[in-house]
Amino acid sequence: MHIIRKLFKAFYIDEIFDFSQSGILFEILRPLKEECISVLVVSAYERDYILLIKMILIK
């Protein structure tokens, strides 16, 4: 039996940007997009969180 274990790594952007500044998060995530790495982004008022999934195959 094979088990896939999922682990999350979380990062955050600790900077407050003006709402007129668009595309900042996209530019940060562009290298991950180019490598086909999926992310989950959670945006709060003062901080954006980026979660990456790391999957481990256990035999």
N, C-alpha and C. Protein backbone atom coordinates (compact mmCIF):
# COMPACT_ATOMS: atom_id res chain seq x y z
N MET A 1 0.83 -1.17 0.00
CA MET A 1 0.00 0.00 0.00
C MET A 1 0.89 1.25 0.00
N HIS A 2 0.50 2.24 -0.78
CA HIS A 2 1.21 3.51 -0.85
C HIS A 2 0.38 4.59 -0.17
N ILE A 3 1.02 5.36 0.63
CA ILE A 3 0.36 6.46 1.31
C ILE A 3 1.04 7.75 0.88
N ILE A 4 0.25 8.71 0.53
CA ILE A 4 0.79 10.02 0.20
C ILE A 4 0.54 10.94 1.38
N ARG A 5 1.60 11.46 1.91
CA ARG A 5 1.49 12.36 3.06
C ARG A 5 1.70 13.79 2.56
N LYS A 6 0.78 14.65 2.94
CA LYS A 6 0.86 16.04 2.49
C LYS A 6 1.30 16.92 3.65
N LEU A 7 2.30 17.73 3.38
CA LEU A 7 2.78 18.70 4.35
C LEU A 7 2.65 20.09 3.74
N PHE A 8 2.36 21.06 4.56
CA PHE A 8 2.25 22.43 4.08
C PHE A 8 3.42 23.25 4.58
N LYS A 9 3.94 24.06 3.71
CA LYS A 9 4.93 25.07 4.08
C LYS A 9 4.25 26.40 3.90
N ALA A 10 4.37 27.27 4.86
CA ALA A 10 3.70 28.56 4.78
C ALA A 10 4.72 29.70 4.80
N PHE A 11 4.45 30.68 4.00
CA PHE A 11 5.25 31.90 3.93
C PHE A 11 4.30 33.07 3.97
N TYR A 12 4.78 34.21 4.36
CA TYR A 12 3.91 35.38 4.31
C TYR A 12 4.70 36.60 3.86
N ILE A 13 3.96 37.53 3.31
CA ILE A 13 4.53 38.80 2.87
C ILE A 13 4.20 39.81 3.96
N ASP A 14 5.20 40.24 4.66
CA ASP A 14 5.00 41.13 5.80
C ASP A 14 5.23 42.58 5.37
N GLU A 15 4.41 43.02 4.48
CA GLU A 15 4.51 44.38 3.96
C GLU A 15 3.11 44.86 3.62
N ILE A 16 2.82 46.08 3.92
CA ILE A 16 1.52 46.64 3.58
C ILE A 16 1.68 47.43 2.29
N PHE A 17 0.96 47.01 1.26
CA PHE A 17 1.01 47.69 -0.04
C PHE A 17 -0.26 48.48 -0.24
N ASP A 18 -0.14 49.56 -0.94
CA ASP A 18 -1.30 50.38 -1.29
C ASP A 18 -2.16 49.61 -2.29
N PHE A 19 -3.48 49.80 -2.21
CA PHE A 19 -4.37 49.09 -3.13
C PHE A 19 -4.15 49.47 -4.59
N SER A 20 -3.50 50.60 -4.84
CA SER A 20 -3.22 51.00 -6.22
C SER A 20 -2.06 50.22 -6.82
N GLN A 21 -1.31 49.50 -5.99
CA GLN A 21 -0.19 48.71 -6.47
C GLN A 21 -0.68 47.30 -6.76
N SER A 22 -0.99 47.04 -8.01
CA SER A 22 -1.49 45.71 -8.37
C SER A 22 -0.37 44.88 -8.99
N GLY A 23 -0.52 43.57 -8.91
CA GLY A 23 0.41 42.65 -9.54
C GLY A 23 1.60 42.24 -8.70
N ILE A 24 1.69 42.72 -7.48
CA ILE A 24 2.85 42.38 -6.64
C ILE A 24 2.85 40.89 -6.30
N LEU A 25 1.72 40.39 -5.87
CA LEU A 25 1.63 38.96 -5.53
C LEU A 25 1.87 38.09 -6.76
N PHE A 26 1.35 38.51 -7.90
CA PHE A 26 1.56 37.76 -9.14
C PHE A 26 3.05 37.67 -9.46
N GLU A 27 3.77 38.75 -9.32
CA GLU A 27 5.21 38.74 -9.61
C GLU A 27 5.97 37.86 -8.63
N ILE A 28 5.54 37.83 -7.39
CA ILE A 28 6.20 36.96 -6.40
C ILE A 28 5.96 35.50 -6.75
N LEU A 29 4.75 35.18 -7.23
CA LEU A 29 4.40 33.79 -7.51
C LEU A 29 4.80 33.33 -8.91
N ARG A 30 5.22 34.23 -9.77
CA ARG A 30 5.56 33.87 -11.16
C ARG A 30 6.57 32.72 -11.27
N PRO A 31 7.68 32.71 -10.51
CA PRO A 31 8.62 31.59 -10.63
C PRO A 31 7.99 30.23 -10.27
N LEU A 32 7.08 30.24 -9.30
CA LEU A 32 6.39 28.99 -8.93
C LEU A 32 5.46 28.56 -10.06
N LYS A 33 4.78 29.50 -10.67
CA LYS A 33 3.89 29.21 -11.80
C LYS A 33 4.67 28.60 -12.96
N GLU A 34 5.83 29.16 -13.24
CA GLU A 34 6.66 28.67 -14.34
C GLU A 34 7.16 27.24 -14.11
N GLU A 35 7.25 26.84 -12.85
CA GLU A 35 7.67 25.47 -12.50
C GLU A 35 6.47 24.57 -12.22
N CYS A 36 5.25 25.06 -12.50
CA CYS A 36 4.01 24.30 -12.29
C CYS A 36 3.83 23.87 -10.83
N ILE A 37 4.18 24.74 -9.92
CA ILE A 37 4.03 24.47 -8.49
C ILE A 37 2.74 25.12 -8.03
N SER A 38 1.85 24.33 -7.47
CA SER A 38 0.57 24.84 -6.99
C SER A 38 0.73 25.51 -5.64
N VAL A 39 -0.02 26.56 -5.44
CA VAL A 39 0.00 27.27 -4.17
C VAL A 39 -1.43 27.61 -3.76
N LEU A 40 -1.58 27.87 -2.50
CA LEU A 40 -2.83 28.38 -1.97
C LEU A 40 -2.49 29.72 -1.32
N VAL A 41 -3.18 30.77 -1.74
CA VAL A 41 -2.93 32.09 -1.20
C VAL A 41 -4.13 32.52 -0.36
N VAL A 42 -3.84 32.96 0.85
CA VAL A 42 -4.86 33.50 1.73
C VAL A 42 -4.49 34.95 1.99
N SER A 43 -5.38 35.85 1.65
CA SER A 43 -5.10 37.27 1.82
C SER A 43 -5.90 37.81 3.00
N ALA A 44 -5.20 38.52 3.86
CA ALA A 44 -5.84 39.22 4.97
C ALA A 44 -5.60 40.71 4.77
N TYR A 45 -6.07 41.49 5.66
CA TYR A 45 -5.98 42.94 5.49
C TYR A 45 -4.53 43.42 5.42
N GLU A 46 -3.68 42.94 6.30
CA GLU A 46 -2.31 43.43 6.36
C GLU A 46 -1.27 42.43 5.90
N ARG A 47 -1.67 41.25 5.51
CA ARG A 47 -0.67 40.23 5.19
C ARG A 47 -1.24 39.23 4.20
N ASP A 48 -0.40 38.74 3.29
CA ASP A 48 -0.76 37.66 2.38
C ASP A 48 0.02 36.42 2.77
N TYR A 49 -0.67 35.30 2.87
CA TYR A 49 -0.04 34.03 3.22
C TYR A 49 0.02 33.16 1.98
N ILE A 50 1.16 32.51 1.75
CA ILE A 50 1.35 31.61 0.63
C ILE A 50 1.63 30.23 1.20
N LEU A 51 0.79 29.26 0.84
CA LEU A 51 0.97 27.90 1.31
C LEU A 51 1.35 27.00 0.14
N LEU A 52 2.41 26.24 0.33
CA LEU A 52 2.86 25.27 -0.65
C LEU A 52 2.59 23.88 -0.11
N ILE A 53 2.24 22.96 -0.99
CA ILE A 53 2.00 21.58 -0.57
C ILE A 53 3.20 20.73 -0.97
N LYS A 54 3.73 20.01 0.00
CA LYS A 54 4.82 19.06 -0.26
C LYS A 54 4.24 17.67 -0.04
N MET A 55 4.28 16.84 -1.08
CA MET A 55 3.73 15.48 -0.96
C MET A 55 4.86 14.48 -0.88
N ILE A 56 4.74 13.56 0.07
CA ILE A 56 5.73 12.52 0.29
C ILE A 56 5.07 11.17 0.06
N LEU A 57 5.65 10.35 -0.77
CA LEU A 57 5.14 9.01 -1.03
C LEU A 57 5.79 8.05 -0.06
N ILE A 58 4.99 7.34 0.73
CA ILE A 58 5.47 6.38 1.71
C ILE A 58 5.05 4.99 1.24
N LYS A 59 6.01 4.08 1.16
CA LYS A 59 5.70 2.71 0.73
C LYS A 59 5.49 1.81 1.92
